[in-house]
Amino acid sequence: MDGNGRWARRRFMPRFFGHKQGVDALVRTVQACADRGVEYLTVFAFSSENWKRPSEEVSGLMGLVLVAVSKYLAKLASQGVRIRIVGDRAQVSDKLREAWEQAESTTAHNTRITLCVAFNYGGRWDIVQACRRAMQDRVAPESLDEATLSRYMALSFAPDPDLFIRTGGEVRISNFLLWQVAYSELVFTDCLWPEFGEAQIDAAFAEYTRRDRRFGGVKPRSAEALQAP
């Protein structure tokens, strides 16, 4: 969800206002995806590298999470949204962890759409923590294959994403779901995240339907081609 700061800067506003608008865009996106039958939506809310940002901005982001839970939790819960938080919880405050636990427990019974919020998350961290957990469980090296390691990933409860969307015009993954997006279709848009909505979602979905997904294999030849001399 990239572009909050630039959205605010273009309006001569502090970056925090961009993040605030970004929360509204997230709620819109969750609702739009649920309406379109999406079962899992994972968003990159705060990376493990974002701690390097100015302390004032980081503090504001943490406070915004608490406000968002208070403001939107009941609404999302009533719409059938299940919330799961993925990432390293050790560095965040007790108050923030309690808010996450409240969001997860309140929505645990919902099945319409699962919203996975990646917070203090990094793709490399995810792979390392999965390896550590496998070692703690004494998984033998000869038994450690892709399927086994996948069970230790932070998003082991969810299918790998079909579609990866990055807003804000940057064309890179930025340490997000490195393991899980191996065969995802990537869509990059110049739209800044606070302006993201149904039109951009539909455009990304339309692009996705035009892709030829072979997962490393060879596309089968048509029956007509096989019969041709």
Protein backbone atom coordinates (compact mmCIF):
# COMPACT_ATOMS: atom_id res chain seq x y z
CA MET A 1 0.00 0.00 0.00
CA ASP A 2 2.45 2.63 -1.27
CA GLY A 3 2.04 6.36 -1.81
CA ASN A 4 0.56 7.72 1.41
CA GLY A 5 3.40 10.17 1.99
CA ARG A 6 3.44 11.46 -1.58
CA TRP A 7 -0.34 11.86 -1.53
CA ALA A 8 -0.04 14.08 1.54
CA ARG A 9 2.99 16.00 0.24
CA ARG A 10 1.20 16.94 -2.98
CA ARG A 11 -1.47 18.53 -0.79
CA PHE A 12 1.07 20.27 1.44
CA MET A 13 -0.02 18.14 4.37
CA PRO A 14 2.00 16.12 6.92
CA ARG A 15 2.63 12.48 5.99
CA PHE A 16 0.37 11.34 8.81
CA PHE A 17 -2.69 12.60 6.93
CA GLY A 18 -1.70 10.39 4.02
CA HIS A 19 -1.56 7.38 6.33
CA LYS A 20 -4.97 8.32 7.71
CA GLN A 21 -6.44 8.41 4.21
CA GLY A 22 -4.68 5.12 3.57
CA VAL A 23 -6.74 3.46 6.31
CA ASP A 24 -9.93 4.60 4.58
CA ALA A 25 -8.62 3.19 1.30
CA LEU A 26 -7.95 -0.12 3.02
CA VAL A 27 -11.51 -0.35 4.31
CA ARG A 28 -12.82 0.42 0.80
CA THR A 29 -10.56 -2.23 -0.67
CA VAL A 30 -11.61 -4.91 1.81
CA GLN A 31 -15.27 -4.24 1.07
CA ALA A 32 -14.71 -4.23 -2.71
CA CYS A 33 -12.72 -7.48 -2.61
CA ALA A 34 -15.35 -9.16 -0.44
CA ASP A 35 -18.05 -8.08 -2.90
CA ARG A 36 -16.04 -9.66 -5.73
CA GLY A 37 -15.64 -13.00 -3.99
CA VAL A 38 -12.01 -12.67 -2.91
CA GLU A 39 -11.42 -15.08 -0.03
CA TYR A 40 -7.99 -13.86 1.16
CA LEU A 41 -6.57 -10.34 1.04
CA THR A 42 -3.11 -9.66 2.45
CA VAL A 43 -1.88 -6.07 2.89
CA PHE A 44 1.59 -4.78 3.76
CA ALA A 45 0.88 -2.27 6.52
CA PHE A 46 4.29 -1.90 8.20
CA SER A 47 7.55 -3.54 7.18
CA SER A 48 10.39 -4.53 9.46
CA GLU A 49 12.41 -1.82 7.68
CA ASN A 50 9.87 0.92 8.48
CA TRP A 51 11.35 1.31 11.98
CA LYS A 52 14.06 3.36 10.23
CA ARG A 53 11.54 6.12 9.53
CA PRO A 54 11.41 9.24 11.74
CA SER A 55 10.25 8.35 15.25
CA GLU A 56 7.37 10.82 15.03
CA GLU A 57 6.00 9.08 11.94
CA VAL A 58 6.42 5.61 13.46
CA SER A 59 4.67 6.71 16.64
CA GLY A 60 1.84 8.18 14.59
CA LEU A 61 1.45 4.93 12.65
CA MET A 62 1.21 2.92 15.86
CA GLY A 63 -1.44 5.26 17.19
CA LEU A 64 -3.31 5.09 13.90
CA VAL A 65 -3.56 1.31 14.20
CA LEU A 66 -5.24 1.68 17.59
CA VAL A 67 -7.65 4.28 16.20
CA ALA A 68 -8.44 2.12 13.17
CA VAL A 69 -9.23 -0.91 15.32
CA SER A 70 -11.52 1.19 17.50
CA LYS A 71 -13.24 2.87 14.54
CA TYR A 72 -13.60 0.04 12.03
CA LEU A 73 -13.45 -3.28 13.88
CA ALA A 74 -17.17 -3.59 14.56
CA LYS A 75 -18.00 -2.59 10.98
CA LEU A 76 -15.64 -5.10 9.42
CA ALA A 77 -16.76 -7.83 11.82
CA SER A 78 -20.41 -7.26 10.87
CA GLN A 79 -19.48 -7.62 7.18
CA GLY A 80 -18.01 -11.09 7.65
CA VAL A 81 -14.34 -10.06 7.62
CA ARG A 82 -11.89 -12.22 9.54
CA ILE A 83 -8.71 -10.43 10.62
CA ARG A 84 -5.32 -12.13 11.01
CA ILE A 85 -2.11 -10.31 11.92
CA VAL A 86 1.17 -11.65 10.54
CA GLY A 87 4.61 -10.45 11.56
CA ASP A 88 7.01 -10.20 14.47
CA ARG A 89 5.00 -9.08 17.51
CA ALA A 90 7.97 -8.87 19.84
CA GLN A 91 8.87 -5.25 19.01
CA VAL A 92 5.42 -3.68 19.32
CA SER A 93 3.84 -2.35 22.48
CA ASP A 94 1.61 -4.39 24.77
CA LYS A 95 -1.26 -2.05 23.92
CA LEU A 96 -0.87 -2.72 20.21
CA ARG A 97 -0.65 -6.48 20.73
CA GLU A 98 -3.83 -6.36 22.79
CA ALA A 99 -5.61 -4.46 19.99
CA TRP A 100 -4.50 -7.10 17.48
CA GLU A 101 -5.66 -9.92 19.72
CA GLN A 102 -9.00 -8.19 20.12
CA ALA A 103 -9.38 -7.83 16.35
CA GLU A 104 -8.50 -11.48 15.78
CA SER A 105 -10.73 -12.89 18.52
CA THR A 106 -13.69 -10.66 17.60
CA THR A 107 -13.62 -11.78 13.96
CA ALA A 108 -12.40 -15.38 14.38
CA HIS A 109 -15.80 -16.85 13.42
CA ASN A 110 -16.15 -14.89 10.16
CA THR A 111 -15.72 -16.64 6.82
CA ARG A 112 -16.62 -14.17 4.05
CA ILE A 113 -13.08 -12.85 3.57
CA THR A 114 -9.86 -13.14 5.57
CA LEU A 115 -7.89 -9.90 5.87
CA CYS A 116 -4.25 -10.64 6.66
CA VAL A 117 -2.43 -7.55 7.91
CA ALA A 118 1.35 -7.83 7.59
CA PHE A 119 2.75 -5.63 10.35
CA ASN A 120 6.42 -5.55 11.37
CA TYR A 121 6.79 -8.12 8.62
CA GLY A 122 9.52 -8.87 6.10
CA GLY A 123 9.79 -11.67 3.57
CA ARG A 124 13.33 -12.53 4.64
CA TRP A 125 12.31 -12.50 8.31
CA ASP A 126 9.47 -14.88 7.45
CA ILE A 127 11.81 -17.41 5.82
CA VAL A 128 14.32 -17.19 8.67
CA GLN A 129 11.69 -17.62 11.39
CA ALA A 130 10.23 -20.59 9.49
CA CYS A 131 13.66 -22.25 9.39
CA ARG A 132 14.18 -21.61 13.08
CA ARG A 133 10.82 -23.09 13.99
CA ALA A 134 11.50 -26.14 11.86
CA MET A 135 14.84 -26.60 13.63
CA GLN A 136 13.17 -26.21 17.02
CA ASP A 137 10.79 -29.00 16.03
CA ARG A 138 13.87 -31.07 15.10
CA VAL A 139 12.87 -31.51 11.48
CA ALA A 140 15.61 -33.59 9.89
CA PRO A 141 17.50 -31.87 7.05
CA GLU A 142 16.61 -34.67 4.63
CA SER A 143 12.93 -34.19 5.51
CA LEU A 144 12.91 -30.41 4.94
CA ASP A 145 11.26 -29.80 1.58
CA GLU A 146 9.12 -26.93 0.29
CA ALA A 147 5.88 -28.35 1.62
CA THR A 148 7.34 -28.85 5.09
CA LEU A 149 8.86 -25.37 5.31
CA SER A 150 5.62 -23.82 4.05
CA ARG A 151 3.88 -25.10 7.15
CA TYR A 152 6.14 -22.88 9.26
CA MET A 153 5.62 -19.67 7.27
CA ALA A 154 3.65 -16.81 8.83
CA LEU A 155 0.86 -17.26 6.26
CA SER A 156 0.73 -21.05 6.42
CA PHE A 157 -3.03 -20.86 6.97
CA ALA A 158 -3.63 -19.11 3.63
CA PRO A 159 -3.12 -20.13 -0.01
CA ASP A 160 -0.32 -18.48 -1.95
CA PRO A 161 -1.58 -15.26 -3.57
CA ASP A 162 -2.75 -15.38 -7.16
CA LEU A 163 -2.36 -11.65 -7.67
CA PHE A 164 0.16 -9.16 -6.24
CA ILE A 165 -0.71 -5.46 -6.57
CA ARG A 166 1.64 -2.60 -5.71
CA THR A 167 0.44 1.00 -5.81
CA GLY A 168 2.43 4.20 -6.00
CA GLY A 169 4.42 3.62 -9.19
CA GLU A 170 7.33 1.67 -7.69
CA VAL A 171 8.16 -1.53 -9.59
CA ARG A 172 9.59 -3.85 -6.95
CA ILE A 173 8.40 -6.32 -4.30
CA SER A 174 10.21 -4.66 -1.36
CA ASN A 175 10.63 -7.77 0.79
CA PHE A 176 6.93 -8.68 0.79
CA LEU A 177 5.87 -12.36 0.71
CA LEU A 178 9.09 -13.45 -0.98
CA TRP A 179 8.29 -17.13 -0.50
CA GLN A 180 4.58 -16.90 -1.30
CA VAL A 181 4.64 -14.81 -4.53
CA ALA A 182 6.86 -17.21 -6.48
CA TYR A 183 4.11 -17.72 -9.09
CA SER A 184 1.85 -14.76 -8.37
CA GLU A 185 0.88 -12.42 -11.17
CA LEU A 186 2.39 -8.97 -10.51
CA VAL A 187 0.49 -5.77 -11.27
CA PHE A 188 2.02 -2.33 -10.66
CA THR A 189 -0.03 0.86 -10.77
CA ASP A 190 0.87 4.55 -10.53
CA CYS A 191 -2.22 5.15 -8.40
CA LEU A 192 -1.26 6.36 -4.92
CA TRP A 193 -2.73 4.17 -2.20
CA PRO A 194 -5.12 6.78 -0.68
CA GLU A 195 -6.80 7.02 -4.11
CA PHE A 196 -7.03 3.26 -4.65
CA GLY A 197 -10.54 1.89 -5.04
CA GLU A 198 -12.93 -0.22 -7.08
CA ALA A 199 -11.78 1.09 -10.47
CA GLN A 200 -8.16 0.12 -9.79
CA ILE A 201 -9.20 -3.26 -8.38
CA ASP A 202 -11.26 -4.06 -11.46
CA ALA A 203 -8.41 -2.96 -13.74
CA ALA A 204 -5.99 -5.25 -11.88
CA PHE A 205 -8.43 -8.15 -12.05
CA ALA A 206 -8.92 -7.56 -15.78
CA GLU A 207 -5.15 -7.63 -16.28
CA TYR A 208 -4.96 -10.84 -14.26
CA THR A 209 -7.52 -12.58 -16.49
CA ARG A 210 -5.35 -11.80 -19.55
CA ARG A 211 -2.31 -13.55 -18.07
CA ASP A 212 -1.24 -17.04 -19.10
CA ARG A 213 -0.47 -18.85 -15.83
CA ARG A 214 1.69 -21.92 -16.50
CA PHE A 215 3.53 -22.22 -13.15
CA GLY A 216 6.77 -23.07 -14.92
CA GLY A 217 5.19 -25.59 -17.27
CA VAL A 218 4.45 -25.54 -20.99
CA LYS A 219 1.09 -24.39 -22.25
CA PRO A 220 -0.78 -27.35 -23.79
CA ARG A 221 -1.28 -27.16 -27.54
CA SER A 222 -4.85 -26.98 -28.72
CA ALA A 223 -6.61 -30.01 -30.19
CA GLU A 224 -6.64 -28.30 -33.58
CA ALA A 225 -2.89 -27.76 -33.46
CA LEU A 226 -2.24 -31.36 -32.51
CA GLN A 227 -4.26 -32.57 -35.49
CA ALA A 228 -2.56 -30.25 -37.95
CA PRO A 229 -0.05 -31.85 -40.38
